[in-house]
């Protein structure tokens, strides 16, 4: 099977996805706990758990990106071990 994206794009996507998962998970837990810094102001959302659900949906999407891009990166590693010439 041939990779669909380049190696640089695949590994960049892996790094960005890991950072997004960590940051969004932290924000999701803070919204779920109704942390006053996030839901305490006049213009802030009133229902923290509802916002947390949306944030956790974004985390699931980034996990999908992480799996896809990680597999693409591994395909590049496997292809380079076979002695394929990169053009």
PDB file of N, CA and C in Angstrom:
ATOM      1  N   UNK A   1       0.842  -1.168   0.000  1.00  0.00           N
ATOM      2  CA  UNK A   1       0.000   0.000   0.000  1.00  0.00           C
ATOM      3  C   UNK A   1       0.896   1.242   0.000  1.00  0.00           C
ATOM      4  N   UNK A   2       0.532   2.220  -0.799  1.00  0.00           N
ATOM      5  CA  UNK A   2       1.318   3.453  -0.892  1.00  0.00           C
ATOM      6  C   UNK A   2       0.707   4.530  -0.003  1.00  0.00           C
ATOM      7  N   UNK A   3       1.567   5.334   0.588  1.00  0.00           N
ATOM      8  CA  UNK A   3       1.058   6.446   1.409  1.00  0.00           C
ATOM      9  C   UNK A   3       0.323   7.484   0.562  1.00  0.00           C
ATOM     10  N   UNK A   4      -0.668   8.130   1.170  1.00  0.00           N
ATOM     11  CA  UNK A   4      -1.448   9.151   0.467  1.00  0.00           C
ATOM     12  C   UNK A   4      -0.849  10.545   0.617  1.00  0.00           C
ATOM     13  N   UNK A   5      -0.104  10.776   1.696  1.00  0.00           N
ATOM     14  CA  UNK A   5       0.507  12.081   1.944  1.00  0.00           C
ATOM     15  C   UNK A   5       2.005  11.894   2.121  1.00  0.00           C
ATOM     16  N   UNK A   6       2.742  12.993   2.039  1.00  0.00           N
ATOM     17  CA  UNK A   6       4.193  12.902   2.182  1.00  0.00           C
ATOM     18  C   UNK A   6       4.571  12.624   3.636  1.00  0.00           C
ATOM     19  N   UNK A   7       5.815  12.229   3.833  1.00  0.00           N
ATOM     20  CA  UNK A   7       6.295  11.903   5.179  1.00  0.00           C
ATOM     21  C   UNK A   7       6.273  13.127   6.081  1.00  0.00           C
ATOM     22  N   UNK A   8       6.666  14.276   5.550  1.00  0.00           N
ATOM     23  CA  UNK A   8       6.685  15.498   6.353  1.00  0.00           C
ATOM     24  C   UNK A   8       5.270  15.868   6.793  1.00  0.00           C
ATOM     25  N   UNK A   9       4.318  15.774   5.894  1.00  0.00           N
ATOM     26  CA  UNK A   9       2.942  16.089   6.244  1.00  0.00           C
ATOM     27  C   UNK A   9       2.395  15.102   7.272  1.00  0.00           C
ATOM     28  N   UNK A  10       2.725  13.831   7.117  1.00  0.00           N
ATOM     29  CA  UNK A  10       2.224  12.821   8.045  1.00  0.00           C
ATOM     30  C   UNK A  10       2.757  13.051   9.453  1.00  0.00           C
ATOM     31  N   UNK A  11       4.073  13.268   9.590  1.00  0.00           N
ATOM     32  CA  UNK A  11       4.638  13.450  10.925  1.00  0.00           C
ATOM     33  C   UNK A  11       4.264  14.802  11.519  1.00  0.00           C
ATOM     34  N   UNK A  12       4.086  15.819  10.678  1.00  0.00           N
ATOM     35  CA  UNK A  12       3.615  17.110  11.192  1.00  0.00           C
ATOM     36  C   UNK A  12       2.201  16.979  11.744  1.00  0.00           C
ATOM     37  N   UNK A  13       1.372  16.242  11.048  1.00  0.00           N
ATOM     38  CA  UNK A  13       0.005  16.013  11.500  1.00  0.00           C
ATOM     39  C   UNK A  13      -0.011  15.249  12.820  1.00  0.00           C
ATOM     40  N   UNK A  14       0.917  14.304  12.993  1.00  0.00           N
ATOM     41  CA  UNK A  14       1.002  13.555  14.244  1.00  0.00           C
ATOM     42  C   UNK A  14       1.330  14.493  15.396  1.00  0.00           C
ATOM     43  N   UNK A  15       2.315  15.357  15.209  1.00  0.00           N
ATOM     44  CA  UNK A  15       2.727  16.280  16.282  1.00  0.00           C
ATOM     45  C   UNK A  15       1.602  17.247  16.619  1.00  0.00           C
ATOM     46  N   UNK A  16       0.973  17.818  15.599  1.00  0.00           N
ATOM     47  CA  UNK A  16      -0.117  18.772  15.834  1.00  0.00           C
ATOM     48  C   UNK A  16      -1.290  18.085  16.523  1.00  0.00           C
ATOM     49  N   UNK A  17      -1.593  16.861  16.128  1.00  0.00           N
ATOM     50  CA  UNK A  17      -2.702  16.131  16.734  1.00  0.00           C
ATOM     51  C   UNK A  17      -2.438  15.832  18.204  1.00  0.00           C
ATOM     52  N   UNK A  18      -1.213  15.461  18.537  1.00  0.00           N
ATOM     53  CA  UNK A  18      -0.888  15.173  19.938  1.00  0.00           C
ATOM     54  C   UNK A  18      -1.065  16.426  20.786  1.00  0.00           C
ATOM     55  N   UNK A  19      -0.549  17.564  20.315  1.00  0.00           N
ATOM     56  CA  UNK A  19      -0.711  18.805  21.062  1.00  0.00           C
ATOM     57  C   UNK A  19      -2.186  19.190  21.186  1.00  0.00           C
ATOM     58  N   UNK A  20      -2.944  19.040  20.118  1.00  0.00           N
ATOM     59  CA  UNK A  20      -4.367  19.382  20.156  1.00  0.00           C
ATOM     60  C   UNK A  20      -5.118  18.485  21.130  1.00  0.00           C
ATOM     61  N   UNK A  21      -4.799  17.204  21.156  1.00  0.00           N
ATOM     62  CA  UNK A  21      -5.467  16.289  22.074  1.00  0.00           C
ATOM     63  C   UNK A  21      -5.188  16.674  23.516  1.00  0.00           C
ATOM     64  N   UNK A  22      -3.951  16.986  23.827  1.00  0.00           N
ATOM     65  CA  UNK A  22      -3.589  17.352  25.203  1.00  0.00           C
ATOM     66  C   UNK A  22      -4.284  18.645  25.618  1.00  0.00           C
ATOM     67  N   UNK A  23      -4.217  19.662  24.776  1.00  0.00           N
ATOM     68  CA  UNK A  23      -4.789  20.966  25.115  1.00  0.00           C
ATOM     69  C   UNK A  23      -6.314  20.896  25.201  1.00  0.00           C
ATOM     70  N   UNK A  24      -6.955  20.262  24.215  1.00  0.00           N
ATOM     71  CA  UNK A  24      -8.412  20.198  24.218  1.00  0.00           C
ATOM     72  C   UNK A  24      -8.953  19.321  25.338  1.00  0.00           C
ATOM     73  N   UNK A  25      -8.229  18.256  25.686  1.00  0.00           N
ATOM     74  CA  UNK A  25      -8.668  17.419  26.804  1.00  0.00           C
ATOM     75  C   UNK A  25      -8.625  18.213  28.106  1.00  0.00           C
ATOM     76  N   UNK A  26      -7.569  18.984  28.290  1.00  0.00           N
ATOM     77  CA  UNK A  26      -7.469  19.825  29.481  1.00  0.00           C
ATOM     78  C   UNK A  26      -8.616  20.838  29.532  1.00  0.00           C
ATOM     79  N   UNK A  27      -8.862  21.506  28.415  1.00  0.00           N
ATOM     80  CA  UNK A  27      -9.971  22.464  28.371  1.00  0.00           C
ATOM     81  C   UNK A  27     -11.315  21.785  28.598  1.00  0.00           C
ATOM     82  N   UNK A  28     -11.491  20.596  28.041  1.00  0.00           N
ATOM     83  CA  UNK A  28     -12.742  19.864  28.224  1.00  0.00           C
ATOM     84  C   UNK A  28     -13.000  19.534  29.679  1.00  0.00           C
ATOM     85  N   UNK A  29     -11.964  19.073  30.388  1.00  0.00           N
ATOM     86  CA  UNK A  29     -12.146  18.771  31.805  1.00  0.00           C
ATOM     87  C   UNK A  29     -12.413  20.032  32.625  1.00  0.00           C
ATOM     88  N   UNK A  30     -11.784  21.137  32.253  1.00  0.00           N
ATOM     89  CA  UNK A  30     -12.051  22.393  32.962  1.00  0.00           C
ATOM     90  C   UNK A  30     -13.483  22.877  32.735  1.00  0.00           C
ATOM     91  N   UNK A  31     -13.971  22.765  31.502  1.00  0.00           N
ATOM     92  CA  UNK A  31     -15.365  23.138  31.235  1.00  0.00           C
ATOM     93  C   UNK A  31     -16.323  22.194  31.950  1.00  0.00           C
ATOM     94  N   UNK A  32     -16.002  20.913  31.967  1.00  0.00           N
ATOM     95  CA  UNK A  32     -16.882  19.934  32.618  1.00  0.00           C
ATOM     96  C   UNK A  32     -16.991  20.207  34.116  1.00  0.00           C
ATOM     97  N   UNK A  33     -15.908  20.689  34.719  1.00  0.00           N
ATOM     98  CA  UNK A  33     -15.911  21.004  36.148  1.00  0.00           C
ATOM     99  C   UNK A  33     -16.452  22.404  36.427  1.00  0.00           C
ATOM    100  N   UNK A  34     -16.918  23.111  35.415  1.00  0.00           N
ATOM    101  CA  UNK A  34     -17.412  24.485  35.549  1.00  0.00           C
ATOM    102  C   UNK A  34     -16.391  25.376  36.243  1.00  0.00           C
ATOM    103  N   UNK A  35     -15.181  25.317  35.747  1.00  0.00           N
ATOM    104  CA  UNK A  35     -14.104  26.136  36.323  1.00  0.00           C
ATOM    105  C   UNK A  35     -14.474  27.608  36.193  1.00  0.00           C
ATOM    106  N   UNK A  36     -14.340  28.384  37.272  1.00  0.00           N
ATOM    107  CA  UNK A  36     -14.790  29.788  37.237  1.00  0.00           C
ATOM    108  C   UNK A  36     -14.073  30.657  36.211  1.00  0.00           C
ATOM    109  N   UNK A  37     -12.834  30.328  35.858  1.00  0.00           N
ATOM    110  CA  UNK A  37     -12.126  31.124  34.851  1.00  0.00           C
ATOM    111  C   UNK A  37     -12.757  30.966  33.470  1.00  0.00           C
ATOM    112  N   UNK A  38     -13.439  29.847  33.236  1.00  0.00           N
ATOM    113  CA  UNK A  38     -14.005  29.598  31.909  1.00  0.00           C
ATOM    114  C   UNK A  38     -15.502  29.864  31.835  1.00  0.00           C
ATOM    115  N   UNK A  39     -16.213  29.694  32.931  1.00  0.00           N
ATOM    116  CA  UNK A  39     -17.675  29.872  32.884  1.00  0.00           C
ATOM    117  C   UNK A  39     -18.170  30.896  33.899  1.00  0.00           C
ATOM    118  N   UNK A  40     -17.289  31.703  34.461  1.00  0.00           N
ATOM    119  CA  UNK A  40     -17.690  32.598  35.537  1.00  0.00           C
ATOM    120  C   UNK A  40     -18.038  34.008  35.126  1.00  0.00           C
ATOM    121  N   UNK A  41     -17.717  34.425  33.902  1.00  0.00           N
ATOM    122  CA  UNK A  41     -17.951  35.811  33.500  1.00  0.00           C
ATOM    123  C   UNK A  41     -19.311  36.030  32.882  1.00  0.00           C
ATOM    124  N   UNK A  42     -19.589  37.277  32.552  1.00  0.00           N
ATOM    125  CA  UNK A  42     -20.870  37.646  31.945  1.00  0.00           C
ATOM    126  C   UNK A  42     -21.020  37.095  30.524  1.00  0.00           C
ATOM    127  N   UNK A  43     -19.938  37.140  29.744  1.00  0.00           N
ATOM    128  CA  UNK A  43     -20.012  36.715  28.345  1.00  0.00           C
ATOM    129  C   UNK A  43     -19.573  35.273  28.142  1.00  0.00           C
ATOM    130  N   UNK A  44     -19.251  34.561  29.201  1.00  0.00           N
ATOM    131  CA  UNK A  44     -18.809  33.178  29.103  1.00  0.00           C
ATOM    132  C   UNK A  44     -20.009  32.246  28.981  1.00  0.00           C
ATOM    133  N   UNK A  45     -19.784  31.018  28.490  1.00  0.00           N
ATOM    134  CA  UNK A  45     -20.903  30.073  28.368  1.00  0.00           C
ATOM    135  C   UNK A  45     -21.476  29.723  29.742  1.00  0.00           C
ATOM    136  N   UNK A  46     -22.787  29.493  29.782  1.00  0.00           N
ATOM    137  CA  UNK A  46     -23.461  29.187  31.047  1.00  0.00           C
ATOM    138  C   UNK A  46     -23.420  27.698  31.377  1.00  0.00           C
ATOM    139  N   UNK A  47     -23.401  26.845  30.340  1.00  0.00           N
ATOM    140  CA  UNK A  47     -23.489  25.405  30.551  1.00  0.00           C
ATOM    141  C   UNK A  47     -22.145  24.767  30.208  1.00  0.00           C
ATOM    142  N   UNK A  48     -21.257  24.659  31.192  1.00  0.00           N
ATOM    143  CA  UNK A  48     -19.927  24.103  30.974  1.00  0.00           C
ATOM    144  C   UNK A  48     -19.921  22.673  30.464  1.00  0.00           C
ATOM    145  N   UNK A  49     -20.739  21.758  31.015  1.00  0.00           N
ATOM    146  CA  UNK A  49     -20.730  20.377  30.515  1.00  0.00           C
ATOM    147  C   UNK A  49     -21.148  20.251  29.046  1.00  0.00           C
ATOM    148  N   UNK A  50     -22.033  21.120  28.574  1.00  0.00           N
ATOM    149  CA  UNK A  50     -22.403  21.079  27.158  1.00  0.00           C
ATOM    150  C   UNK A  50     -21.224  21.483  26.282  1.00  0.00           C
ATOM    151  N   UNK A  51     -20.490  22.499  26.717  1.00  0.00           N
ATOM    152  CA  UNK A  51     -19.301  22.925  25.981  1.00  0.00           C
ATOM    153  C   UNK A  51     -18.252  21.821  26.026  1.00  0.00           C
ATOM    154  N   UNK A  52     -18.125  21.159  27.174  1.00  0.00           N
ATOM    155  CA  UNK A  52     -17.164  20.070  27.317  1.00  0.00           C
ATOM    156  C   UNK A  52     -17.472  18.934  26.339  1.00  0.00           C
ATOM    157  N   UNK A  53     -18.742  18.648  26.131  1.00  0.00           N
ATOM    158  CA  UNK A  53     -19.120  17.615  25.164  1.00  0.00           C
ATOM    159  C   UNK A  53     -18.657  17.949  23.758  1.00  0.00           C
ATOM    160  N   UNK A  54     -18.789  19.205  23.378  1.00  0.00           N
ATOM    161  CA  UNK A  54     -18.329  19.643  22.064  1.00  0.00           C
ATOM    162  C   UNK A  54     -16.806  19.566  21.958  1.00  0.00           C
ATOM    163  N   UNK A  55     -16.129  19.954  23.022  1.00  0.00           N
ATOM    164  CA  UNK A  55     -14.661  19.905  23.021  1.00  0.00           C
ATOM    165  C   UNK A  55     -14.189  18.457  22.931  1.00  0.00           C
ATOM    166  N   UNK A  56     -14.842  17.544  23.644  1.00  0.00           N
ATOM    167  CA  UNK A  56     -14.454  16.135  23.586  1.00  0.00           C
ATOM    168  C   UNK A  56     -14.747  15.522  22.210  1.00  0.00           C
ATOM    169  N   UNK A  57     -15.748  16.039  21.509  1.00  0.00           N
ATOM    170  CA  UNK A  57     -15.987  15.604  20.124  1.00  0.00           C
ATOM    171  C   UNK A  57     -14.810  16.004  19.243  1.00  0.00           C
ATOM    172  N   UNK A  58     -14.282  17.196  19.456  1.00  0.00           N
ATOM    173  CA  UNK A  58     -13.097  17.636  18.710  1.00  0.00           C
ATOM    174  C   UNK A  58     -11.894  16.762  19.045  1.00  0.00           C
ATOM    175  N   UNK A  59     -11.788  16.315  20.309  1.00  0.00           N
ATOM    176  CA  UNK A  59     -10.695  15.418  20.696  1.00  0.00           C
ATOM    177  C   UNK A  59     -10.797  14.105  19.938  1.00  0.00           C
ATOM    178  N   UNK A  60     -12.004  13.583  19.798  1.00  0.00           N
ATOM    179  CA  UNK A  60     -12.193  12.331  19.059  1.00  0.00           C
ATOM    180  C   UNK A  60     -11.786  12.502  17.597  1.00  0.00           C
ATOM    181  N   UNK A  61     -12.103  13.639  17.010  1.00  0.00           N
ATOM    182  CA  UNK A  61     -11.705  13.900  15.624  1.00  0.00           C
ATOM    183  C   UNK A  61     -10.185  13.954  15.510  1.00  0.00           C
ATOM    184  N   UNK A  62      -9.525  14.602  16.463  1.00  0.00           N
ATOM    185  CA  UNK A  62      -8.062  14.660  16.434  1.00  0.00           C
ATOM    186  C   UNK A  62      -7.432  13.289  16.673  1.00  0.00           C
ATOM    187  N   UNK A  63      -8.075  12.432  17.446  1.00  0.00           N
ATOM    188  CA  UNK A  63      -7.577  11.056  17.607  1.00  0.00           C
ATOM    189  C   UNK A  63      -7.640  10.338  16.261  1.00  0.00           C
ATOM    190  N   UNK A  64      -8.707  10.585  15.502  1.00  0.00           N
ATOM    191  CA  UNK A  64      -8.796  10.016  14.157  1.00  0.00           C
ATOM    192  C   UNK A  64      -7.669  10.503  13.260  1.00  0.00           C
ATOM    193  N   UNK A  65      -7.391  11.813  13.318  1.00  0.00           N
ATOM    194  CA  UNK A  65      -6.257  12.356  12.557  1.00  0.00           C
ATOM    195  C   UNK A  65      -4.948  11.712  12.989  1.00  0.00           C
ATOM    196  N   UNK A  66      -4.779  11.529  14.294  1.00  0.00           N
ATOM    197  CA  UNK A  66      -3.557  10.936  14.825  1.00  0.00           C
ATOM    198  C   UNK A  66      -3.369   9.516  14.304  1.00  0.00           C
ATOM    199  N   UNK A  67      -4.427   8.741  14.299  1.00  0.00           N
ATOM    200  CA  UNK A  67      -4.335   7.357  13.810  1.00  0.00           C
ATOM    201  C   UNK A  67      -4.021   7.346  12.318  1.00  0.00           C
ATOM    202  N   UNK A  68      -4.754   8.139  11.537  1.00  0.00           N
ATOM    203  CA  UNK A  68      -4.533   8.162  10.091  1.00  0.00           C
ATOM    204  C   UNK A  68      -3.116   8.618   9.749  1.00  0.00           C
ATOM    205  N   UNK A  69      -2.695   9.729  10.335  1.00  0.00           N
ATOM    206  CA  UNK A  69      -1.370  10.276  10.012  1.00  0.00           C
ATOM    207  C   UNK A  69      -0.258   9.382  10.549  1.00  0.00           C
ATOM    208  N   UNK A  70      -0.479   8.774  11.700  1.00  0.00           N
ATOM    209  CA  UNK A  70       0.509   7.840  12.226  1.00  0.00           C
ATOM    210  C   UNK A  70       0.691   6.647  11.311  1.00  0.00           C
ATOM    211  N   UNK A  71      -0.410   6.130  10.785  1.00  0.00           N
ATOM    212  CA  UNK A  71      -0.310   5.012   9.838  1.00  0.00           C
ATOM    213  C   UNK A  71       0.380   5.439   8.546  1.00  0.00           C
ATOM    214  N   UNK A  72       0.116   6.656   8.101  1.00  0.00           N
ATOM    215  CA  UNK A  72       0.786   7.156   6.903  1.00  0.00           C
ATOM    216  C   UNK A  72       2.293   7.279   7.145  1.00  0.00           C
ATOM    217  N   UNK A  73       2.666   7.777   8.319  1.00  0.00           N
ATOM    218  CA  UNK A  73       4.083   7.884   8.661  1.00  0.00           C
ATOM    219  C   UNK A  73       4.746   6.518   8.724  1.00  0.00           C
ATOM    220  N   UNK A  74       4.048   5.545   9.301  1.00  0.00           N
ATOM    221  CA  UNK A  74       4.602   4.192   9.372  1.00  0.00           C
ATOM    222  C   UNK A  74       4.740   3.560   7.988  1.00  0.00           C
ATOM    223  N   UNK A  75       3.828   3.881   7.087  1.00  0.00           N
ATOM    224  CA  UNK A  75       3.964   3.401   5.705  1.00  0.00           C
ATOM    225  C   UNK A  75       5.224   3.971   5.062  1.00  0.00           C
ATOM    226  N   UNK A  76       5.533   5.218   5.348  1.00  0.00           N
ATOM    227  CA  UNK A  76       6.763   5.821   4.815  1.00  0.00           C
ATOM    228  C   UNK A  76       7.995   5.140   5.400  1.00  0.00           C
ATOM    229  N   UNK A  77       7.947   4.840   6.692  1.00  0.00           N
ATOM    230  CA  UNK A  77       9.082   4.160   7.324  1.00  0.00           C
ATOM    231  C   UNK A  77       9.274   2.785   6.695  1.00  0.00           C
ATOM    232  N   UNK A  78       8.182   2.060   6.510  1.00  0.00           N
ATOM    233  CA  UNK A  78       8.265   0.725   5.915  1.00  0.00           C
ATOM    234  C   UNK A  78       8.777   0.788   4.483  1.00  0.00           C
ATOM    235  N   UNK A  79       8.310   1.807   3.740  1.00  0.00           N
ATOM    236  CA  UNK A  79       8.748   1.959   2.353  1.00  0.00           C
ATOM    237  C   UNK A  79      10.229   2.297   2.266  1.00  0.00           C
ATOM    238  N   UNK A  80      10.724   3.106   3.191  1.00  0.00           N
ATOM    239  CA  UNK A  80      12.142   3.490   3.149  1.00  0.00           C
ATOM    240  C   UNK A  80      13.038   2.321   3.548  1.00  0.00           C
ATOM    241  N   UNK A  81      12.549   1.410   4.352  1.00  0.00           N
ATOM    242  CA  UNK A  81      13.337   0.233   4.729  1.00  0.00           C
ATOM    243  C   UNK A  81      13.513  -0.739   3.559  1.00  0.00           C
ATOM    244  N   UNK A  82      12.588  -0.712   2.630  1.00  0.00           N
ATOM    245  CA  UNK A  82      12.655  -1.599   1.479  1.00  0.00           C
ATOM    246  C   UNK A  82      13.662  -1.105   0.427  1.00  0.00           C
ATOM    247  N   UNK A  83      14.163   0.082   0.615  1.00  0.00           N
ATOM    248  CA  UNK A  83      15.109   0.614  -0.348  1.00  0.00           C
ATOM    249  C   UNK A  83      14.467   1.353  -1.498  1.00  0.00           C
ATOM    250  N   UNK A  84      13.244   1.817  -1.296  1.00  0.00           N
ATOM    251  CA  UNK A  84      12.566   2.556  -2.347  1.00  0.00           C
ATOM    252  C   UNK A  84      13.245   3.912  -2.546  1.00  0.00           C
ATOM    253  N   UNK A  85      13.267   4.357  -3.767  1.00  0.00           N
ATOM    254  CA  UNK A  85      13.876   5.639  -4.102  1.00  0.00           C
ATOM    255  C   UNK A  85      12.814   6.720  -3.968  1.00  0.00           C
ATOM    256  N   UNK A  86      13.063   7.718  -3.151  1.00  0.00           N
ATOM    257  CA  UNK A  86      12.128   8.822  -2.964  1.00  0.00           C
ATOM    258  C   UNK A  86      12.399   9.881  -4.027  1.00  0.00           C
ATOM    259  N   UNK A  87      11.352  10.226  -4.735  1.00  0.00           N
ATOM    260  CA  UNK A  87      11.482  11.256  -5.760  1.00  0.00           C
ATOM    261  C   UNK A  87      10.931  12.570  -5.267  1.00  0.00           C
TER     262      UNK A  87
END
